[in-house]
Amino acid sequence: MAQTTLKLQGLTCQGCVGSVTKALYGLPGVTDVNVDLVDDGVSTATVTSNPTPSAEQFTQTITDAGYTVVN
C-alpha cells in the first residue's frame, strides 16, 4: 500500500469533500481516502492505494469533479 497526498483548491464544504472522496474511490486500486477541509485555503486529500494511480489520473479525476490540484 502506498499513500499519496494531494493539495486541492476549491473545496468549501462537506459536500465538496464527499464529491472528491467519491471521485477518488472510483480510481482503480484506491482503498482509503481522507480529505482535510481547509476553508478558503488549500485542502489535502490523503489517498491509500495499491497499485497507485498516476499523477495524471489523480489530476484528471479531481478536475472532472470540479476542483483543482495544486503543487
PDB file of N, CA and C in Angstrom:
ATOM      1  N   MET A   1       0.840  -1.181   0.000  1.00  0.00           N
ATOM      2  CA  MET A   1       0.000   0.000   0.000  1.00  0.00           C
ATOM      3  C   MET A   1       0.884   1.244   0.000  1.00  0.00           C
ATOM      4  N   ALA A   2       0.464   2.214  -0.767  1.00  0.00           N
ATOM      5  CA  ALA A   2       1.177   3.489  -0.827  1.00  0.00           C
ATOM      6  C   ALA A   2       0.215   4.608  -0.485  1.00  0.00           C
ATOM      7  N   GLN A   3       0.751   5.684   0.085  1.00  0.00           N
ATOM      8  CA  GLN A   3      -0.067   6.853   0.377  1.00  0.00           C
ATOM      9  C   GLN A   3       0.387   8.011  -0.500  1.00  0.00           C
ATOM     10  N   THR A   4      -0.589   8.722  -1.053  1.00  0.00           N
ATOM     11  CA  THR A   4      -0.345   9.893  -1.873  1.00  0.00           C
ATOM     12  C   THR A   4      -1.110  11.054  -1.255  1.00  0.00           C
ATOM     13  N   THR A   5      -0.448  12.188  -1.106  1.00  0.00           N
ATOM     14  CA  THR A   5      -1.110  13.381  -0.579  1.00  0.00           C
ATOM     15  C   THR A   5      -1.293  14.379  -1.712  1.00  0.00           C
ATOM     16  N   LEU A   6      -2.528  14.797  -1.908  1.00  0.00           N
ATOM     17  CA  LEU A   6      -2.875  15.763  -2.948  1.00  0.00           C
ATOM     18  C   LEU A   6      -3.295  17.070  -2.296  1.00  0.00           C
ATOM     19  N   LYS A   7      -2.811  18.190  -2.821  1.00  0.00           N
ATOM     20  CA  LYS A   7      -3.239  19.508  -2.356  1.00  0.00           C
ATOM     21  C   LYS A   7      -4.331  19.987  -3.300  1.00  0.00           C
ATOM     22  N   LEU A   8      -5.470  20.389  -2.727  1.00  0.00           N
ATOM     23  CA  LEU A   8      -6.656  20.709  -3.525  1.00  0.00           C
ATOM     24  C   LEU A   8      -7.180  22.102  -3.230  1.00  0.00           C
ATOM     25  N   GLN A   9      -7.629  22.793  -4.277  1.00  0.00           N
ATOM     26  CA  GLN A   9      -8.286  24.085  -4.120  1.00  0.00           C
ATOM     27  C   GLN A   9      -9.718  23.978  -4.624  1.00  0.00           C
ATOM     28  N   GLY A  10     -10.573  24.805  -4.034  1.00  0.00           N
ATOM     29  CA  GLY A  10     -11.956  24.875  -4.487  1.00  0.00           C
ATOM     30  C   GLY A  10     -12.946  24.186  -3.572  1.00  0.00           C
ATOM     31  N   LEU A  11     -12.458  23.473  -2.552  1.00  0.00           N
ATOM     32  CA  LEU A  11     -13.364  22.808  -1.626  1.00  0.00           C
ATOM     33  C   LEU A  11     -13.830  23.808  -0.583  1.00  0.00           C
ATOM     34  N   THR A  12     -15.158  23.905  -0.379  1.00  0.00           N
ATOM     35  CA  THR A  12     -15.697  24.887   0.554  1.00  0.00           C
ATOM     36  C   THR A  12     -16.605  24.286   1.621  1.00  0.00           C
ATOM     37  N   CYS A  13     -16.981  23.006   1.466  1.00  0.00           N
ATOM     38  CA  CYS A  13     -17.940  22.424   2.408  1.00  0.00           C
ATOM     39  C   CYS A  13     -17.813  20.908   2.427  1.00  0.00           C
ATOM     40  N   GLN A  14     -18.582  20.284   3.300  1.00  0.00           N
ATOM     41  CA  GLN A  14     -18.547  18.821   3.391  1.00  0.00           C
ATOM     42  C   GLN A  14     -19.095  18.157   2.129  1.00  0.00           C
ATOM     43  N   GLY A  15     -19.956  18.865   1.406  1.00  0.00           N
ATOM     44  CA  GLY A  15     -20.431  18.333   0.122  1.00  0.00           C
ATOM     45  C   GLY A  15     -19.279  18.188  -0.865  1.00  0.00           C
ATOM     46  N   CYS A  16     -18.385  19.178  -0.860  1.00  0.00           N
ATOM     47  CA  CYS A  16     -17.199  19.116  -1.723  1.00  0.00           C
ATOM     48  C   CYS A  16     -16.322  17.934  -1.322  1.00  0.00           C
ATOM     49  N   VAL A  17     -16.150  17.766  -0.017  1.00  0.00           N
ATOM     50  CA  VAL A  17     -15.354  16.642   0.490  1.00  0.00           C
ATOM     51  C   VAL A  17     -15.952  15.326   0.008  1.00  0.00           C
ATOM     52  N   GLY A  18     -17.269  15.205   0.079  1.00  0.00           N
ATOM     53  CA  GLY A  18     -17.945  13.990  -0.381  1.00  0.00           C
ATOM     54  C   GLY A  18     -17.741  13.749  -1.868  1.00  0.00           C
ATOM     55  N   SER A  19     -17.808  14.810  -2.654  1.00  0.00           N
ATOM     56  CA  SER A  19     -17.614  14.672  -4.100  1.00  0.00           C
ATOM     57  C   SER A  19     -16.209  14.196  -4.434  1.00  0.00           C
ATOM     58  N   VAL A  20     -15.213  14.797  -3.786  1.00  0.00           N
ATOM     59  CA  VAL A  20     -13.815  14.416  -4.026  1.00  0.00           C
ATOM     60  C   VAL A  20     -13.567  12.986  -3.560  1.00  0.00           C
ATOM     61  N   THR A  21     -14.087  12.662  -2.394  1.00  0.00           N
ATOM     62  CA  THR A  21     -13.899  11.315  -1.849  1.00  0.00           C
ATOM     63  C   THR A  21     -14.494  10.267  -2.787  1.00  0.00           C
ATOM     64  N   LYS A  22     -15.712  10.492  -3.229  1.00  0.00           N
ATOM     65  CA  LYS A  22     -16.372   9.545  -4.143  1.00  0.00           C
ATOM     66  C   LYS A  22     -15.590   9.411  -5.446  1.00  0.00           C
ATOM     67  N   ALA A  23     -15.127  10.532  -5.985  1.00  0.00           N
ATOM     68  CA  ALA A  23     -14.372  10.503  -7.242  1.00  0.00           C
ATOM     69  C   ALA A  23     -13.075   9.705  -7.088  1.00  0.00           C
ATOM     70  N   LEU A  24     -12.360   9.945  -5.985  1.00  0.00           N
ATOM     71  CA  LEU A  24     -11.087   9.242  -5.789  1.00  0.00           C
ATOM     72  C   LEU A  24     -11.285   7.749  -5.553  1.00  0.00           C
ATOM     73  N   TYR A  25     -12.359   7.373  -4.860  1.00  0.00           N
ATOM     74  CA  TYR A  25     -12.645   5.947  -4.668  1.00  0.00           C
ATOM     75  C   TYR A  25     -12.941   5.253  -6.001  1.00  0.00           C
ATOM     76  N   GLY A  26     -13.290   6.030  -7.023  1.00  0.00           N
ATOM     77  CA  GLY A  26     -13.563   5.460  -8.339  1.00  0.00           C
ATOM     78  C   GLY A  26     -12.310   5.059  -9.104  1.00  0.00           C
ATOM     79  N   LEU A  27     -11.145   5.485  -8.620  1.00  0.00           N
ATOM     80  CA  LEU A  27      -9.898   5.113  -9.297  1.00  0.00           C
ATOM     81  C   LEU A  27      -9.497   3.691  -8.921  1.00  0.00           C
ATOM     82  N   PRO A  28      -8.943   2.937  -9.876  1.00  0.00           N
ATOM     83  CA  PRO A  28      -8.526   1.569  -9.584  1.00  0.00           C
ATOM     84  C   PRO A  28      -7.425   1.532  -8.532  1.00  0.00           C
ATOM     85  N   GLY A  29      -7.559   0.647  -7.556  1.00  0.00           N
ATOM     86  CA  GLY A  29      -6.536   0.454  -6.540  1.00  0.00           C
ATOM     87  C   GLY A  29      -6.712   1.288  -5.290  1.00  0.00           C
ATOM     88  N   VAL A  30      -7.612   2.280  -5.311  1.00  0.00           N
ATOM     89  CA  VAL A  30      -7.795   3.148  -4.147  1.00  0.00           C
ATOM     90  C   VAL A  30      -8.580   2.404  -3.072  1.00  0.00           C
ATOM     91  N   THR A  31      -7.997   2.345  -1.856  1.00  0.00           N
ATOM     92  CA  THR A  31      -8.635   1.628  -0.752  1.00  0.00           C
ATOM     93  C   THR A  31      -9.077   2.541   0.388  1.00  0.00           C
ATOM     94  N   ASP A  32      -8.508   3.768   0.456  1.00  0.00           N
ATOM     95  CA  ASP A  32      -8.898   4.688   1.523  1.00  0.00           C
ATOM     96  C   ASP A  32      -8.652   6.117   1.065  1.00  0.00           C
ATOM     97  N   VAL A  33      -9.549   7.010   1.451  1.00  0.00           N
ATOM     98  CA  VAL A  33      -9.430   8.436   1.128  1.00  0.00           C
ATOM     99  C   VAL A  33      -9.766   9.228   2.388  1.00  0.00           C
ATOM    100  N   ASN A  34      -8.891  10.171   2.747  1.00  0.00           N
ATOM    101  CA  ASN A  34      -9.139  11.044   3.893  1.00  0.00           C
ATOM    102  C   ASN A  34      -8.900  12.477   3.441  1.00  0.00           C
ATOM    103  N   VAL A  35      -9.939  13.299   3.443  1.00  0.00           N
ATOM    104  CA  VAL A  35      -9.840  14.689   2.993  1.00  0.00           C
ATOM    105  C   VAL A  35      -9.891  15.608   4.201  1.00  0.00           C
ATOM    106  N   ASP A  36      -8.905  16.501   4.303  1.00  0.00           N
ATOM    107  CA  ASP A  36      -8.840  17.512   5.359  1.00  0.00           C
ATOM    108  C   ASP A  36      -9.255  18.848   4.743  1.00  0.00           C
ATOM    109  N   LEU A  37     -10.456  19.303   5.072  1.00  0.00           N
ATOM    110  CA  LEU A  37     -11.014  20.531   4.511  1.00  0.00           C
ATOM    111  C   LEU A  37     -10.433  21.758   5.210  1.00  0.00           C
ATOM    112  N   VAL A  38      -9.905  22.688   4.416  1.00  0.00           N
ATOM    113  CA  VAL A  38      -9.414  23.974   4.932  1.00  0.00           C
ATOM    114  C   VAL A  38     -10.227  25.062   4.234  1.00  0.00           C
ATOM    115  N   ASP A  39     -11.086  25.739   4.999  1.00  0.00           N
ATOM    116  CA  ASP A  39     -11.915  26.801   4.427  1.00  0.00           C
ATOM    117  C   ASP A  39     -11.036  27.909   3.856  1.00  0.00           C
ATOM    118  N   ASP A  40     -11.345  28.339   2.636  1.00  0.00           N
ATOM    119  CA  ASP A  40     -10.626  29.426   1.972  1.00  0.00           C
ATOM    120  C   ASP A  40      -9.124  29.184   1.902  1.00  0.00           C
ATOM    121  N   GLY A  41      -8.739  27.932   1.732  1.00  0.00           N
ATOM    122  CA  GLY A  41      -7.320  27.616   1.638  1.00  0.00           C
ATOM    123  C   GLY A  41      -7.101  26.371   0.818  1.00  0.00           C
ATOM    124  N   VAL A  42      -5.957  25.750   1.044  1.00  0.00           N
ATOM    125  CA  VAL A  42      -5.607  24.534   0.320  1.00  0.00           C
ATOM    126  C   VAL A  42      -5.924  23.333   1.207  1.00  0.00           C
ATOM    127  N   SER A  43      -6.873  22.527   0.765  1.00  0.00           N
ATOM    128  CA  SER A  43      -7.236  21.304   1.477  1.00  0.00           C
ATOM    129  C   SER A  43      -6.307  20.187   1.035  1.00  0.00           C
ATOM    130  N   THR A  44      -6.258  19.108   1.806  1.00  0.00           N
ATOM    131  CA  THR A  44      -5.437  17.968   1.421  1.00  0.00           C
ATOM    132  C   THR A  44      -6.278  16.699   1.385  1.00  0.00           C
ATOM    133  N   ALA A  45      -5.920  15.840   0.453  1.00  0.00           N
ATOM    134  CA  ALA A  45      -6.524  14.507   0.373  1.00  0.00           C
ATOM    135  C   ALA A  45      -5.398  13.500   0.475  1.00  0.00           C
ATOM    136  N   THR A  46      -5.494  12.599   1.438  1.00  0.00           N
ATOM    137  CA  THR A  46      -4.528  11.524   1.579  1.00  0.00           C
ATOM    138  C   THR A  46      -5.189  10.260   1.046  1.00  0.00           C
ATOM    139  N   VAL A  47      -4.559   9.668   0.029  1.00  0.00           N
ATOM    140  CA  VAL A  47      -5.137   8.524  -0.675  1.00  0.00           C
ATOM    141  C   VAL A  47      -4.236   7.312  -0.478  1.00  0.00           C
ATOM    142  N   THR A  48      -4.825   6.218   0.004  1.00  0.00           N
ATOM    143  CA  THR A  48      -4.100   4.952   0.135  1.00  0.00           C
ATOM    144  C   THR A  48      -4.514   4.070  -1.029  1.00  0.00           C
ATOM    145  N   SER A  49      -3.522   3.471  -1.697  1.00  0.00           N
ATOM    146  CA  SER A  49      -3.844   2.685  -2.894  1.00  0.00           C
ATOM    147  C   SER A  49      -2.781   1.621  -3.168  1.00  0.00           C
ATOM    148  N   ASN A  50      -3.195   0.619  -3.920  1.00  0.00           N
ATOM    149  CA  ASN A  50      -2.296  -0.412  -4.407  1.00  0.00           C
ATOM    150  C   ASN A  50      -2.986  -1.117  -5.570  1.00  0.00           C
ATOM    151  N   PRO A  51      -2.544  -0.916  -6.795  1.00  0.00           N
ATOM    152  CA  PRO A  51      -1.441  -0.046  -7.202  1.00  0.00           C
ATOM    153  C   PRO A  51      -1.832   1.425  -7.123  1.00  0.00           C
ATOM    154  N   THR A  52      -0.835   2.284  -7.206  1.00  0.00           N
ATOM    155  CA  THR A  52      -1.061   3.719  -7.118  1.00  0.00           C
ATOM    156  C   THR A  52      -1.399   4.297  -8.492  1.00  0.00           C
ATOM    157  N   PRO A  53      -2.525   5.010  -8.603  1.00  0.00           N
ATOM    158  CA  PRO A  53      -2.834   5.683  -9.869  1.00  0.00           C
ATOM    159  C   PRO A  53      -1.751   6.712 -10.210  1.00  0.00           C
ATOM    160  N   SER A  54      -1.651   7.046 -11.474  1.00  0.00           N
ATOM    161  CA  SER A  54      -0.648   8.024 -11.903  1.00  0.00           C
ATOM    162  C   SER A  54      -1.065   9.430 -11.476  1.00  0.00           C
ATOM    163  N   ALA A  55      -0.108  10.342 -11.481  1.00  0.00           N
ATOM    164  CA  ALA A  55      -0.397  11.737 -11.159  1.00  0.00           C
ATOM    165  C   ALA A  55      -1.445  12.285 -12.112  1.00  0.00           C
ATOM    166  N   GLU A  56      -1.364  11.879 -13.381  1.00  0.00           N
ATOM    167  CA  GLU A  56      -2.340  12.337 -14.374  1.00  0.00           C
ATOM    168  C   GLU A  56      -3.740  11.832 -14.049  1.00  0.00           C
ATOM    169  N   GLN A  57      -3.842  10.582 -13.581  1.00  0.00           N
ATOM    170  CA  GLN A  57      -5.152  10.038 -13.213  1.00  0.00           C
ATOM    171  C   GLN A  57      -5.743  10.806 -12.034  1.00  0.00           C
ATOM    172  N   PHE A  58      -4.905  11.081 -11.020  1.00  0.00           N
ATOM    173  CA  PHE A  58      -5.384  11.855  -9.874  1.00  0.00           C
ATOM    174  C   PHE A  58      -5.865  13.234 -10.324  1.00  0.00           C
ATOM    175  N   THR A  59      -5.036  13.922 -11.104  1.00  0.00           N
ATOM    176  CA  THR A  59      -5.370  15.281 -11.544  1.00  0.00           C
ATOM    177  C   THR A  59      -6.645  15.300 -12.371  1.00  0.00           C
ATOM    178  N   GLN A  60      -6.785  14.369 -13.312  1.00  0.00           N
ATOM    179  CA  GLN A  60      -7.972  14.334 -14.164  1.00  0.00           C
ATOM    180  C   GLN A  60      -9.228  14.048 -13.349  1.00  0.00           C
ATOM    181  N   THR A  61      -9.114  13.152 -12.380  1.00  0.00           N
ATOM    182  CA  THR A  61     -10.260  12.799 -11.542  1.00  0.00           C
ATOM    183  C   THR A  61     -10.722  13.994 -10.717  1.00  0.00           C
ATOM    184  N   ILE A  62      -9.774  14.723 -10.137  1.00  0.00           N
ATOM    185  CA  ILE A  62     -10.114  15.901  -9.339  1.00  0.00           C
ATOM    186  C   ILE A  62     -10.693  16.996 -10.234  1.00  0.00           C
ATOM    187  N   THR A  63     -10.100  17.202 -11.409  1.00  0.00           N
ATOM    188  CA  THR A  63     -10.589  18.207 -12.353  1.00  0.00           C
ATOM    189  C   THR A  63     -12.010  17.873 -12.802  1.00  0.00           C
ATOM    190  N   ASP A  64     -12.252  16.603 -13.116  1.00  0.00           N
ATOM    191  CA  ASP A  64     -13.586  16.172 -13.545  1.00  0.00           C
ATOM    192  C   ASP A  64     -14.625  16.399 -12.442  1.00  0.00           C
ATOM    193  N   ALA A  65     -14.187  16.331 -11.191  1.00  0.00           N
ATOM    194  CA  ALA A  65     -15.098  16.561 -10.063  1.00  0.00           C
ATOM    195  C   ALA A  65     -15.340  18.049  -9.816  1.00  0.00           C
ATOM    196  N   GLY A  66     -14.569  18.909 -10.507  1.00  0.00           N
ATOM    197  CA  GLY A  66     -14.790  20.348 -10.405  1.00  0.00           C
ATOM    198  C   GLY A  66     -13.827  21.094  -9.499  1.00  0.00           C
ATOM    199  N   TYR A  67     -12.707  20.453  -9.167  1.00  0.00           N
ATOM    200  CA  TYR A  67     -11.750  21.069  -8.253  1.00  0.00           C
ATOM    201  C   TYR A  67     -10.359  21.092  -8.906  1.00  0.00           C
ATOM    202  N   THR A  68      -9.384  21.666  -8.187  1.00  0.00           N
ATOM    203  CA  THR A  68      -8.056  21.863  -8.764  1.00  0.00           C
ATOM    204  C   THR A  68      -6.994  21.248  -7.873  1.00  0.00           C
ATOM    205  N   VAL A  69      -6.057  20.521  -8.477  1.00  0.00           N
ATOM    206  CA  VAL A  69      -4.879  20.016  -7.770  1.00  0.00           C
ATOM    207  C   VAL A  69      -3.786  21.070  -7.902  1.00  0.00           C
ATOM    208  N   VAL A  70      -3.169  21.438  -6.779  1.00  0.00           N
ATOM    209  CA  VAL A  70      -2.089  22.420  -6.783  1.00  0.00           C
ATOM    210  C   VAL A  70      -0.807  21.764  -6.276  1.00  0.00           C
ATOM    211  N   ASN A  71       0.324  22.367  -6.649  1.00  0.00           N
ATOM    212  CA  ASN A  71       1.620  21.808  -6.216  1.00  0.00           C
ATOM    213  C   ASN A  71       2.056  22.382  -4.890  1.00  0.00           C
TER     214      ASN A  71
END
